[in-house]
């Protein structure tokens, strides 16, 4: 399904503005971002805080009152560009900032649902997004709002007017680069990654001055490439040819395409990295660092402090791009500063976030075939019989059936951690794939896979499985089964609720202790976005973006056929309690 998304002509730059005397604009200070997880009157960062827990201390909407939740307003993105809507909105000073497909962003009055302004990037006709024309969100800082575009640019807009303040190129889209993640502000720096692992690009994290867009440092995620600080060489990533043979590191992939988290306690940025290129692992013997990893960076210099690789020499497209969510727990009277990640490869990992040391892992999906388990250091014990075969000459290699599928036990869609229950709520999927390798050679700007695949469900009655996982024991406390794959994010609250949406169009609130569905609302199109909650004038609000799309209908094979009846869309839905 990889092909150029040919757009009719050019997507015109579209900007409109509507003034509103009821809306005030206070600068977003760095302290506001640091405190985002604690404050309830705004949402100023992706993940509801730099640690990415997606937990809110609000409890006005709770297990008892959820029955009275009603719609307040609905906002349509309009037009014919109703593709996958994977965004998480931001809210500040009575304004919601929300991105949409085809690199659009809107400012909306949170009281009325009226549009204040919109900005639409001017995209070239030959962009190369792998997995739909989506965007996952924006970042706020000072009087600016930032978001990335599909042609691998980062744009800073005036929060009040929507006018462009600066625009910078992250990479060359013609080489296969794109950008879809939400940026994050860390230590007064704007942190971005890149996308395009299926095109043999080189994954990279950049830190910029948010007021000017000027590059401060850059750190490649493929071993062998040079990092830079203030325009000067700042050390090679790893060691050239240590884990990559020959020149393969020059097109190694490892794109950090799903954003980062940050820990102010250890002063570390945590970067999830994508698949190595090509998919055919026989072409690149070795661990292929730093692909399929969690990498900790020093935010002042961009240098690597530690790394943990979840799938060395990945042969199944098991990106390590799942978010690294930070949390603490007590063990033997001591507080453990930990981080957890639900990997594409089907294992739920807990690491010490100070040093990257492996603590534990457990399968969070069923019937895993590719690995028999983990050794004492968390390195997978690979079932080599389940690795796709080595192609010989012009012939493809042996086909194997592997679980999970390359779309992962969990994909980009963020999980949530509840400070109330101590559980993680993971939007998982139970599926496998027939996968085979085939010969491939690198050509700049062309697909660089060397593999073929067909996805198949593991169970007849469901694919999606929202699971409550105890990170201390690895035990699954409850499971909510969903017919279609789960592809949206999760929110949890002090009110005892787990909030998420499904492709069938329902926004749902579940009991955080039992998994019972307590409330649902049909939005009219599949939900693949991430919900938020905030308080305004004494009322708690919940918002979610709906609009079916993303990778599943593009790549899903037999699974895609089972959900082909789902309609696309593009809208924001906002709710509060009826009083």
Protein backbone atom coordinates (compact mmCIF):
# COMPACT_ATOMS: atom_id res chain seq x y z
CA UNK A 1 0.00 0.00 0.00
CA UNK A 2 2.99 2.30 0.01
CA UNK A 3 2.62 4.81 -2.77
CA UNK A 4 2.77 8.51 -3.30
CA UNK A 5 -0.32 10.36 -2.16
CA UNK A 6 -1.12 12.33 -5.26
CA UNK A 7 -3.09 15.41 -4.41
CA UNK A 8 -4.98 17.39 -6.98
CA UNK A 9 -2.74 20.36 -7.69
CA UNK A 10 -1.48 22.04 -4.57
CA UNK A 11 -3.30 22.22 -1.26
CA UNK A 12 -3.85 25.92 -0.94
CA UNK A 13 -2.71 27.80 2.12
CA UNK A 14 -5.94 28.56 3.91
CA UNK A 15 -6.14 31.03 6.78
CA UNK A 16 -9.20 32.62 8.32
CA UNK A 17 -9.56 34.48 11.58
CA UNK A 18 -12.54 35.50 13.69
CA UNK A 19 -11.96 37.84 16.61
CA UNK A 20 -13.54 37.10 19.98
CA UNK A 21 -13.56 39.62 22.81
CA UNK A 22 -14.39 36.81 25.28
CA UNK A 23 -11.04 35.09 24.75
CA UNK A 24 -7.85 36.18 26.52
CA UNK A 25 -4.33 35.03 25.69
CA UNK A 26 -1.80 34.64 28.50
CA UNK A 27 1.70 33.44 27.59
CA UNK A 28 2.31 29.74 28.21
CA UNK A 29 5.29 29.64 30.55
CA UNK A 30 7.59 26.65 30.85
CA UNK A 31 6.33 26.18 34.42
CA UNK A 32 2.81 25.75 33.00
CA UNK A 33 4.09 22.85 30.90
CA UNK A 34 6.00 21.28 33.81
CA UNK A 35 2.84 21.50 35.98
CA UNK A 36 0.44 20.37 33.26
CA UNK A 37 -0.29 17.01 34.90
CA UNK A 38 -1.36 18.76 38.12
CA UNK A 39 -3.33 21.73 36.84
CA UNK A 40 -6.90 21.15 35.70
CA UNK A 41 -7.94 24.34 33.93
CA UNK A 42 -5.87 23.71 30.82
CA UNK A 43 -4.10 21.06 28.73
CA UNK A 44 -0.87 22.54 27.40
CA UNK A 45 1.13 19.44 26.41
CA UNK A 46 0.70 16.21 24.50
CA UNK A 47 0.14 13.44 27.03
CA UNK A 48 -1.37 15.77 29.67
CA UNK A 49 2.10 16.32 31.08
CA UNK A 50 5.67 15.68 29.99
CA UNK A 51 5.66 12.21 31.59
CA UNK A 52 2.85 11.13 29.26
CA UNK A 53 0.61 9.54 31.91
CA UNK A 54 -2.66 10.87 30.47
CA UNK A 55 -4.12 11.01 33.97
CA UNK A 56 -6.32 13.83 35.25
CA UNK A 57 -7.00 14.58 38.94
CA UNK A 58 -10.49 15.80 38.00
CA UNK A 59 -13.36 13.81 39.52
CA UNK A 60 -16.53 15.83 38.91
CA UNK A 61 -17.29 13.36 36.15
CA UNK A 62 -17.08 10.02 37.92
CA UNK A 63 -18.63 6.56 38.09
CA UNK A 64 -21.84 7.92 39.59
CA UNK A 65 -22.25 11.08 37.52
CA UNK A 66 -21.10 9.75 34.13
CA UNK A 67 -24.70 8.83 33.27
CA UNK A 68 -25.45 12.57 33.06
CA UNK A 69 -22.70 13.35 30.51
CA UNK A 70 -24.15 15.13 27.47
CA UNK A 71 -22.80 16.80 24.31
CA UNK A 72 -22.07 20.53 24.53
CA UNK A 73 -20.87 21.30 21.02
CA UNK A 74 -19.49 19.71 17.90
CA UNK A 75 -17.00 21.21 15.46
CA UNK A 76 -16.45 19.91 11.92
CA UNK A 77 -13.11 20.24 10.15
CA UNK A 78 -15.14 20.51 6.96
CA UNK A 79 -14.07 20.04 3.37
CA UNK A 80 -13.35 16.74 1.66
CA UNK A 81 -10.18 15.93 3.58
CA UNK A 82 -11.86 13.59 6.03
CA UNK A 83 -9.05 11.11 6.56
CA UNK A 84 -7.67 9.68 9.80
CA UNK A 85 -7.91 12.11 12.73
CA UNK A 86 -5.34 10.99 15.32
CA UNK A 87 -4.97 14.29 17.18
CA UNK A 88 -5.04 15.14 20.87
CA UNK A 89 -6.40 18.69 21.42
CA UNK A 90 -4.78 21.31 23.65
CA UNK A 91 -6.70 23.88 25.72
CA UNK A 92 -5.52 27.23 27.09
CA UNK A 93 -7.38 30.44 28.06
CA UNK A 94 -10.70 29.29 26.64
CA UNK A 95 -9.23 28.22 23.30
CA UNK A 96 -8.83 24.69 21.95
CA UNK A 97 -5.99 24.06 19.50
CA UNK A 98 -6.49 20.92 17.44
CA UNK A 99 -4.73 19.54 14.38
CA UNK A 100 -6.38 17.61 11.58
CA UNK A 101 -5.54 15.50 8.52
CA UNK A 102 -3.56 17.07 5.66
CA UNK A 103 -1.57 19.31 8.05
CA UNK A 104 -4.35 21.58 9.25
CA UNK A 105 -4.80 23.26 12.64
CA UNK A 106 -7.79 25.04 14.18
CA UNK A 107 -8.34 27.40 17.12
CA UNK A 108 -11.82 26.96 18.63
CA UNK A 109 -13.67 28.86 21.37
CA UNK A 110 -14.20 26.25 24.12
CA UNK A 111 -17.45 27.88 25.30
CA UNK A 112 -19.25 28.08 22.00
CA UNK A 113 -17.44 25.79 19.57
CA UNK A 114 -16.94 28.76 17.23
CA UNK A 115 -13.86 28.81 15.03
CA UNK A 116 -11.39 31.58 15.88
CA UNK A 117 -8.91 30.80 13.09
CA UNK A 118 -7.61 27.98 10.96
CA UNK A 119 -4.35 27.32 9.15
CA UNK A 120 -3.80 24.85 6.34
CA UNK A 121 -0.28 24.03 5.18
CA UNK A 122 0.54 24.29 1.51
CA UNK A 123 1.56 20.70 0.75
CA UNK A 124 3.38 19.55 -2.40
CA UNK A 125 1.71 16.89 -4.51
CA UNK A 126 4.37 14.20 -3.94
CA UNK A 127 4.44 13.85 -0.15
CA UNK A 128 5.34 10.37 1.10
CA UNK A 129 3.47 9.62 4.32
CA UNK A 130 3.58 5.93 5.18
CA UNK A 131 0.39 5.59 7.20
CA UNK A 132 -2.26 8.10 6.18
CA UNK A 133 -2.21 11.90 6.09
CA UNK A 134 -2.61 12.25 9.85
CA UNK A 135 -1.32 14.62 12.51
CA UNK A 136 -1.23 13.80 16.23
CA UNK A 137 -1.15 17.21 17.85
CA UNK A 138 0.48 20.52 18.63
CA UNK A 139 2.61 22.16 21.32
CA UNK A 140 2.14 25.50 23.11
CA UNK A 141 4.78 27.89 24.41
CA UNK A 142 4.71 31.62 25.12
CA UNK A 143 2.31 33.15 22.55
CA UNK A 144 2.99 30.44 19.95
CA UNK A 145 1.46 27.16 18.84
CA UNK A 146 3.65 24.66 16.97
CA UNK A 147 2.79 21.72 14.73
CA UNK A 148 4.48 19.60 12.08
CA UNK A 149 3.49 19.04 8.47
CA UNK A 150 3.52 16.07 6.12
CA UNK A 151 6.29 17.59 4.03
CA UNK A 152 8.61 17.46 7.07
CA UNK A 153 8.38 21.05 8.27
CA UNK A 154 7.72 22.56 11.69
CA UNK A 155 5.53 25.68 11.82
CA UNK A 156 5.13 28.27 14.59
CA UNK A 157 1.88 30.23 14.56
CA UNK A 158 0.67 33.18 16.60
CA UNK A 159 -1.79 31.70 19.12
CA UNK A 160 -4.12 34.68 18.84
CA UNK A 161 -4.24 35.16 15.09
CA UNK A 162 -2.98 31.92 13.52
CA UNK A 163 -0.46 33.83 11.42
CA UNK A 164 2.91 32.23 10.67
CA UNK A 165 5.73 33.50 12.90
CA UNK A 166 8.37 31.11 11.54
CA UNK A 167 8.65 27.91 9.54
CA UNK A 168 11.61 25.51 9.32
CA UNK A 169 12.39 22.41 7.27
CA UNK A 170 13.08 19.29 9.34
CA UNK A 171 14.18 17.21 6.35
CA UNK A 172 13.62 16.74 2.61
CA UNK A 173 10.23 15.14 1.93
CA UNK A 174 11.43 13.99 -1.50
CA UNK A 175 13.82 11.59 0.26
CA UNK A 176 10.92 9.96 2.12
CA UNK A 177 10.79 12.12 5.24
CA UNK A 178 7.57 13.34 6.80
CA UNK A 179 6.40 14.51 10.24
CA UNK A 180 3.24 13.54 12.07
CA UNK A 181 3.97 13.58 15.83
CA UNK A 182 3.16 16.25 18.39
CA UNK A 183 6.22 18.29 19.42
CA UNK A 184 7.17 18.63 23.11
CA UNK A 185 8.66 21.59 24.97
CA UNK A 186 11.59 20.54 27.21
CA UNK A 187 13.76 23.01 29.13
CA UNK A 188 12.59 25.86 26.89
CA UNK A 189 13.52 23.87 23.78
CA UNK A 190 11.16 22.62 21.07
CA UNK A 191 11.77 18.87 20.54
CA UNK A 192 10.79 17.16 17.29
CA UNK A 193 11.52 13.85 15.56
CA UNK A 194 10.84 12.65 12.04
CA UNK A 195 9.00 9.93 10.14
CA UNK A 196 9.77 7.78 7.10
CA UNK A 197 11.37 4.54 8.25
CA UNK A 198 9.80 2.65 5.34
CA UNK A 199 11.81 4.81 2.92
CA UNK A 200 15.28 4.20 4.36
CA UNK A 201 15.65 7.61 5.98
CA UNK A 202 17.78 8.32 9.06
CA UNK A 203 15.82 8.89 12.26
CA UNK A 204 16.75 12.03 14.17
CA UNK A 205 15.74 14.16 17.17
CA UNK A 206 16.08 17.94 16.86
CA UNK A 207 16.02 20.64 19.55
CA UNK A 208 15.19 24.20 18.48
CA UNK A 209 14.80 27.62 19.99
CA UNK A 210 10.99 27.83 20.06
CA UNK A 211 10.92 31.60 19.54
CA UNK A 212 13.09 31.61 16.42
CA UNK A 213 13.11 28.02 15.13
CA UNK A 214 16.91 27.98 15.05
CA UNK A 215 18.46 24.53 15.54
CA UNK A 216 20.28 24.06 18.86
CA UNK A 217 21.23 20.37 18.63
CA UNK A 218 20.43 17.30 16.59
CA UNK A 219 20.97 13.62 17.43
CA UNK A 220 20.67 10.84 14.81
CA UNK A 221 19.07 7.62 16.01
CA UNK A 222 21.08 5.36 13.68
CA UNK A 223 24.51 4.31 14.89
CA UNK A 224 27.35 5.84 12.88
CA UNK A 225 25.94 9.30 12.17
CA UNK A 226 27.28 12.56 13.60
CA UNK A 227 25.39 14.68 16.12
CA UNK A 228 25.62 18.47 16.22
CA UNK A 229 25.42 21.10 18.97
CA UNK A 230 25.22 24.80 18.07
CA UNK A 231 26.36 23.95 14.54
CA UNK A 232 29.46 22.04 15.63
CA UNK A 233 30.14 18.30 15.59
CA UNK A 234 29.10 16.71 18.88
CA UNK A 235 30.14 13.07 18.60
CA UNK A 236 29.08 10.12 16.49
CA UNK A 237 26.01 8.20 17.59
CA UNK A 238 27.41 4.90 18.88
CA UNK A 239 30.27 3.52 16.79
CA UNK A 240 30.31 3.16 13.02
CA UNK A 241 29.77 -0.46 11.86
CA UNK A 242 29.50 -1.78 15.42
CA UNK A 243 25.98 -3.14 14.84
CA UNK A 244 25.43 -2.36 11.15
CA UNK A 245 27.42 -4.11 8.39
CA UNK A 246 28.90 -2.17 5.49
CA UNK A 247 27.04 0.98 4.45
CA UNK A 248 23.57 -0.10 5.59
CA UNK A 249 23.66 2.38 8.48
CA UNK A 250 23.45 5.18 5.93
CA UNK A 251 19.75 4.30 5.31
CA UNK A 252 19.02 2.70 8.67
CA UNK A 253 15.55 3.99 9.53
CA UNK A 254 14.99 4.10 13.32
CA UNK A 255 12.66 7.09 12.94
CA UNK A 256 11.41 8.60 16.23
CA UNK A 257 8.03 9.12 14.62
CA UNK A 258 5.77 9.04 17.68
CA UNK A 259 7.12 11.84 19.87
CA UNK A 260 8.99 11.86 23.17
CA UNK A 261 8.44 12.11 26.93
CA UNK A 262 10.58 13.92 29.53
CA UNK A 263 11.50 13.45 33.17
CA UNK A 264 12.47 16.62 35.09
CA UNK A 265 13.75 14.46 38.00
CA UNK A 266 16.50 12.82 35.93
CA UNK A 267 16.59 15.56 33.26
CA UNK A 268 16.28 13.02 30.47
CA UNK A 269 14.33 12.95 27.21
CA UNK A 270 13.01 9.48 26.34
CA UNK A 271 12.90 8.70 22.63
CA UNK A 272 11.06 5.67 21.19
CA UNK A 273 12.60 4.66 17.85
CA UNK A 274 11.12 2.89 14.85
CA UNK A 275 12.04 -0.05 12.65
CA UNK A 276 15.40 -0.60 10.98
CA UNK A 277 15.48 -0.49 7.19
CA UNK A 278 14.91 -2.59 5.21
CA UNK A 279 12.43 -4.91 6.94
CA UNK A 280 14.35 -7.92 5.62
CA UNK A 281 16.63 -8.64 8.61
CA UNK A 282 18.88 -10.99 6.61
CA UNK A 283 20.14 -7.92 4.74
CA UNK A 284 21.53 -6.35 7.95
CA UNK A 285 22.94 -8.88 10.45
CA UNK A 286 23.58 -7.34 13.88
CA UNK A 287 21.53 -5.51 16.51
CA UNK A 288 21.10 -2.44 14.28
CA UNK A 289 21.25 0.20 17.01
CA UNK A 290 19.44 2.37 17.85
CA UNK A 291 16.38 1.03 16.04
CA UNK A 292 13.45 -0.52 17.96
CA UNK A 293 14.74 1.04 21.17
CA UNK A 294 14.04 3.47 23.99
CA UNK A 295 16.86 6.01 24.01
CA UNK A 296 17.52 8.50 26.84
CA UNK A 297 19.04 11.83 25.77
CA UNK A 298 20.61 14.71 27.68
CA UNK A 299 18.34 17.65 26.76
CA UNK A 300 21.20 20.14 27.05
CA UNK A 301 23.49 18.43 24.54
CA UNK A 302 21.47 15.75 22.73
CA UNK A 303 23.98 13.06 23.75
CA UNK A 304 22.79 9.52 24.49
CA UNK A 305 22.81 8.61 28.20
CA UNK A 306 21.37 5.09 27.96
CA UNK A 307 19.39 2.87 25.63
CA UNK A 308 17.28 -0.27 25.80
CA UNK A 309 16.52 -2.23 22.63
CA UNK A 310 13.29 -4.23 22.60
CA UNK A 311 13.77 -6.08 19.28
CA UNK A 312 17.41 -6.44 18.16
CA UNK A 313 17.80 -7.24 14.45
CA UNK A 314 14.07 -6.72 14.01
CA UNK A 315 12.64 -8.91 11.23
CA UNK A 316 8.91 -8.27 11.76
CA UNK A 317 8.62 -4.43 11.70
CA UNK A 318 8.31 -4.32 15.49
CA UNK A 319 9.13 -0.64 15.89
CA UNK A 320 10.06 0.42 19.40
CA UNK A 321 8.02 3.58 18.87
CA UNK A 322 5.46 3.03 21.65
CA UNK A 323 5.57 5.89 24.15
CA UNK A 324 7.70 5.52 27.31
CA UNK A 325 5.39 6.54 30.17
CA UNK A 326 7.01 7.55 33.46
CA UNK A 327 5.71 6.46 36.86
CA UNK A 328 6.86 5.50 40.36
CA UNK A 329 6.14 2.55 42.62
CA UNK A 330 7.32 1.32 46.01
CA UNK A 331 9.39 -1.81 46.42
CA UNK A 332 10.93 -2.92 49.72
CA UNK A 333 10.25 0.50 51.17
CA UNK A 334 12.01 2.35 48.34
CA UNK A 335 10.58 4.42 45.52
CA UNK A 336 11.48 3.10 42.09
CA UNK A 337 11.65 5.69 39.34
CA UNK A 338 10.38 3.64 36.44
CA UNK A 339 9.03 3.89 32.94
CA UNK A 340 6.76 1.51 31.05
CA UNK A 341 6.15 0.80 27.41
CA UNK A 342 3.76 -1.57 25.62
CA UNK A 343 5.86 -2.57 22.65
CA UNK A 344 4.73 -3.44 19.17
CA UNK A 345 6.39 -6.83 19.72
CA UNK A 346 3.67 -7.79 22.24
CA UNK A 347 5.63 -7.42 25.50
CA UNK A 348 4.96 -4.87 28.26
CA UNK A 349 8.27 -3.61 29.66
CA UNK A 350 9.17 -1.83 32.90
CA UNK A 351 12.59 -0.16 33.02
CA UNK A 352 14.50 1.91 35.55
CA UNK A 353 14.30 5.31 33.91
CA UNK A 354 17.44 6.59 35.65
CA UNK A 355 19.77 4.09 33.98
CA UNK A 356 17.66 2.08 31.50
CA UNK A 357 18.12 -1.18 33.42
CA UNK A 358 15.58 -3.90 32.72
CA UNK A 359 13.18 -4.61 35.59
CA UNK A 360 10.56 -6.92 34.09
CA UNK A 361 8.43 -7.70 31.06
CA UNK A 362 5.33 -9.73 30.37
CA UNK A 363 3.26 -10.53 27.26
CA UNK A 364 0.21 -8.28 26.96
CA UNK A 365 -1.22 -9.98 23.84
CA UNK A 366 -1.91 -13.66 23.24
CA UNK A 367 -0.23 -16.32 21.14
CA UNK A 368 3.11 -14.53 20.59
CA UNK A 369 5.25 -16.57 18.17
CA UNK A 370 8.42 -14.61 17.41
CA UNK A 371 10.04 -14.91 20.88
CA UNK A 372 10.04 -17.53 23.63
CA UNK A 373 10.54 -14.94 26.37
CA UNK A 374 13.29 -12.71 27.75
CA UNK A 375 16.67 -13.37 29.32
CA UNK A 376 17.66 -11.77 32.64
CA UNK A 377 18.63 -8.52 30.90
CA UNK A 378 15.43 -8.25 28.87
CA UNK A 379 16.93 -9.39 25.60
CA UNK A 380 14.39 -11.46 23.66
CA UNK A 381 14.96 -15.19 23.23
CA UNK A 382 14.07 -15.23 19.54
CA UNK A 383 12.29 -18.16 17.94
CA UNK A 384 14.40 -18.17 14.77
CA UNK A 385 11.99 -20.59 13.10
CA UNK A 386 9.46 -17.76 13.16
CA UNK A 387 11.76 -15.28 11.43
CA UNK A 388 10.75 -14.72 7.77
CA UNK A 389 13.10 -16.68 5.51
CA UNK A 390 16.10 -15.34 3.64
CA UNK A 391 15.29 -14.71 -0.04
CA UNK A 392 17.73 -16.27 -2.47
CA UNK A 393 18.37 -14.70 -5.83
CA UNK A 394 15.13 -13.35 -7.26
CA UNK A 395 12.94 -15.62 -5.15
CA UNK A 396 11.16 -14.63 -1.97
CA UNK A 397 11.97 -16.29 1.31
CA UNK A 398 9.88 -18.73 3.31
CA UNK A 399 6.58 -17.35 4.61
CA UNK A 400 5.86 -17.61 8.33
CA UNK A 401 2.82 -16.74 10.43
CA UNK A 402 3.92 -14.33 13.17
CA UNK A 403 2.08 -12.87 16.15
CA UNK A 404 1.65 -10.01 16.68
CA UNK A 405 1.25 -8.47 13.24
CA UNK A 406 3.55 -5.67 12.12
CA UNK A 407 0.86 -3.19 13.21
CA UNK A 408 1.74 -4.33 16.69
CA UNK A 409 0.37 -5.60 19.95
CA UNK A 410 0.03 -1.85 20.42
CA UNK A 411 0.88 0.80 17.89
CA UNK A 412 1.17 4.60 18.20
CA UNK A 413 -2.08 4.94 20.18
CA UNK A 414 -1.11 6.08 23.70
CA UNK A 415 -1.92 4.15 26.85
CA UNK A 416 -2.75 5.82 30.17
CA UNK A 417 -1.51 5.36 33.75
CA UNK A 418 -3.79 5.95 36.72
CA UNK A 419 -2.26 7.40 39.86
CA UNK A 420 -5.43 6.21 41.61
CA UNK A 421 -5.28 2.49 40.74
CA UNK A 422 -1.61 2.13 39.82
CA UNK A 423 -2.66 0.39 36.60
CA UNK A 424 -1.83 1.01 32.96
CA UNK A 425 -4.68 0.92 30.45
CA UNK A 426 -3.34 -0.41 27.16
CA UNK A 427 -5.25 -0.29 23.83
CA UNK A 428 -4.02 -3.62 22.48
CA UNK A 429 -4.83 -5.67 19.37
CA UNK A 430 -4.90 -9.43 18.87
CA UNK A 431 -3.73 -10.16 15.34
CA UNK A 432 -1.01 -11.95 13.41
CA UNK A 433 0.40 -11.91 9.90
CA UNK A 434 1.73 -14.02 7.09
CA UNK A 435 5.07 -12.36 6.34
CA UNK A 436 7.80 -13.11 3.82
CA UNK A 437 11.03 -11.43 2.70
CA UNK A 438 11.96 -10.56 -0.84
CA UNK A 439 14.97 -8.94 -2.53
CA UNK A 440 15.23 -5.18 -2.21
CA UNK A 441 17.70 -2.40 -3.01
CA UNK A 442 17.76 1.17 -1.76
CA UNK A 443 16.61 4.04 -3.96
CA UNK A 444 16.20 7.48 -2.43
CA UNK A 445 12.54 8.38 -2.01
CA UNK A 446 11.26 4.88 -2.80
CA UNK A 447 9.78 2.24 -0.49
CA UNK A 448 12.54 0.21 1.18
CA UNK A 449 10.83 -2.81 2.73
CA UNK A 450 11.99 -6.09 1.26
CA UNK A 451 8.92 -7.82 2.71
CA UNK A 452 5.32 -8.74 1.98
CA UNK A 453 2.54 -9.45 4.47
CA UNK A 454 -1.12 -10.17 5.11
CA UNK A 455 -2.70 -9.41 8.48
CA UNK A 456 -5.17 -11.86 10.02
CA UNK A 457 -7.19 -11.80 13.26
CA UNK A 458 -6.18 -14.21 16.01
CA UNK A 459 -9.73 -14.49 17.38
CA UNK A 460 -13.07 -14.59 15.59
CA UNK A 461 -15.00 -12.38 18.02
CA UNK A 462 -12.56 -9.49 18.55
CA UNK A 463 -9.33 -7.82 17.54
CA UNK A 464 -9.21 -4.82 19.88
CA UNK A 465 -8.56 -5.52 23.56
CA UNK A 466 -8.29 -2.70 26.11
CA UNK A 467 -6.30 -4.22 28.97
CA UNK A 468 -5.69 -3.05 32.54
CA UNK A 469 -2.14 -4.08 33.48
CA UNK A 470 -0.43 -4.00 36.87
CA UNK A 471 3.14 -2.86 36.06
CA UNK A 472 4.52 -4.25 39.34
CA UNK A 473 3.32 -7.81 38.75
CA UNK A 474 2.65 -7.82 35.01
CA UNK A 475 -0.80 -9.28 35.63
CA UNK A 476 -3.74 -8.28 33.46
CA UNK A 477 -6.60 -7.21 35.77
CA UNK A 478 -9.36 -6.94 33.16
CA UNK A 479 -9.96 -6.93 29.40
CA UNK A 480 -12.53 -5.09 27.33
CA UNK A 481 -12.89 -6.80 23.94
CA UNK A 482 -13.73 -4.83 20.81
CA UNK A 483 -14.70 -6.24 17.41
CA UNK A 484 -12.59 -3.79 15.38
CA UNK A 485 -8.96 -2.91 16.13
CA UNK A 486 -8.39 -0.23 18.77
CA UNK A 487 -6.47 2.65 17.22
CA UNK A 488 -7.16 5.61 19.53
CA UNK A 489 -5.61 6.90 22.74
CA UNK A 490 -6.70 6.44 26.35
CA UNK A 491 -7.42 8.88 29.20
CA UNK A 492 -7.92 8.02 32.88
CA UNK A 493 -9.14 10.20 35.73
CA UNK A 494 -9.43 10.45 39.51
CA UNK A 495 -13.15 9.94 38.97
CA UNK A 496 -12.44 6.26 38.41
CA UNK A 497 -12.92 6.35 34.66
CA UNK A 498 -11.01 5.05 31.64
CA UNK A 499 -12.03 6.95 28.53
CA UNK A 500 -11.32 5.87 24.96
CA UNK A 501 -12.98 5.49 21.58
CA UNK A 502 -13.35 2.71 19.04
CA UNK A 503 -13.48 2.54 15.22
CA UNK A 504 -17.19 1.82 15.43
CA UNK A 505 -17.58 5.46 16.48
CA UNK A 506 -18.26 5.15 20.20
CA UNK A 507 -16.61 7.28 22.86
CA UNK A 508 -16.71 5.10 25.97
CA UNK A 509 -16.17 5.53 29.71
CA UNK A 510 -15.19 2.34 31.54
CA UNK A 511 -14.87 1.55 35.23
CA UNK A 512 -11.14 1.70 36.02
CA UNK A 513 -11.38 -1.28 38.42
CA UNK A 514 -13.62 -3.66 36.46
CA UNK A 515 -13.62 -2.60 32.80
CA UNK A 516 -17.41 -2.29 32.75
CA UNK A 517 -18.68 0.19 30.15
CA UNK A 518 -20.56 2.83 32.15
CA UNK A 519 -21.39 5.25 29.32
CA UNK A 520 -20.97 5.60 25.57
CA UNK A 521 -21.78 8.09 22.83
CA UNK A 522 -21.91 7.48 19.08
CA UNK A 523 -19.90 10.19 17.30
CA UNK A 524 -20.84 9.05 13.81
CA UNK A 525 -17.37 8.06 12.63
CA UNK A 526 -14.51 5.99 13.97
CA UNK A 527 -12.40 7.37 16.81
CA UNK A 528 -8.62 7.17 16.41
CA UNK A 529 -7.79 10.30 18.39
CA UNK A 530 -6.86 10.80 22.06
CA UNK A 531 -9.38 12.26 24.55
CA UNK A 532 -8.65 15.04 27.03
CA UNK A 533 -10.40 16.58 30.03
CA UNK A 534 -10.20 19.99 31.70
CA UNK A 535 -12.17 22.29 34.04
CA UNK A 536 -13.64 25.62 33.02
CA UNK A 537 -15.88 27.88 35.14
CA UNK A 538 -16.55 25.04 37.58
CA UNK A 539 -17.47 22.45 34.95
CA UNK A 540 -15.40 19.45 33.88
CA UNK A 541 -15.28 18.92 30.12
CA UNK A 542 -14.24 15.93 28.02
CA UNK A 543 -13.24 16.27 24.37
CA UNK A 544 -12.25 13.87 21.62
CA UNK A 545 -11.52 14.11 17.90
CA UNK A 546 -13.28 11.55 15.70
CA UNK A 547 -12.56 10.53 12.12
CA UNK A 548 -11.78 7.00 10.94
CA UNK A 549 -8.49 6.36 9.17
CA UNK A 550 -4.82 5.82 9.94
CA UNK A 551 -2.80 2.72 9.11
CA UNK A 552 -5.47 0.03 9.57
CA UNK A 553 -7.55 0.72 6.44
CA UNK A 554 -4.36 1.26 4.41
CA UNK A 555 -2.31 -1.73 5.57
CA UNK A 556 -4.73 -4.06 7.31
CA UNK A 557 -5.23 -6.80 4.70
CA UNK A 558 -8.02 -9.14 5.79
CA UNK A 559 -8.56 -6.97 8.87
CA UNK A 560 -9.13 -3.90 6.69
CA UNK A 561 -11.85 -5.77 4.83
CA UNK A 562 -13.72 -6.42 8.08
CA UNK A 563 -13.94 -2.69 8.84
CA UNK A 564 -14.38 -1.32 5.33
CA UNK A 565 -17.96 -0.27 6.18
CA UNK A 566 -16.66 2.38 8.59
CA UNK A 567 -17.05 5.93 7.29
CA UNK A 568 -14.42 8.63 7.42
CA UNK A 569 -15.02 11.96 9.09
CA UNK A 570 -13.41 14.85 10.91
CA UNK A 571 -14.90 16.57 13.96
CA UNK A 572 -14.37 17.52 17.60
CA UNK A 573 -16.92 16.44 20.21
CA UNK A 574 -17.13 18.15 23.63
CA UNK A 575 -19.14 16.95 26.65
CA UNK A 576 -20.00 18.00 30.20
CA UNK A 577 -22.51 16.98 32.89
CA UNK A 578 -26.14 17.99 32.47
CA UNK A 579 -27.15 19.96 35.57
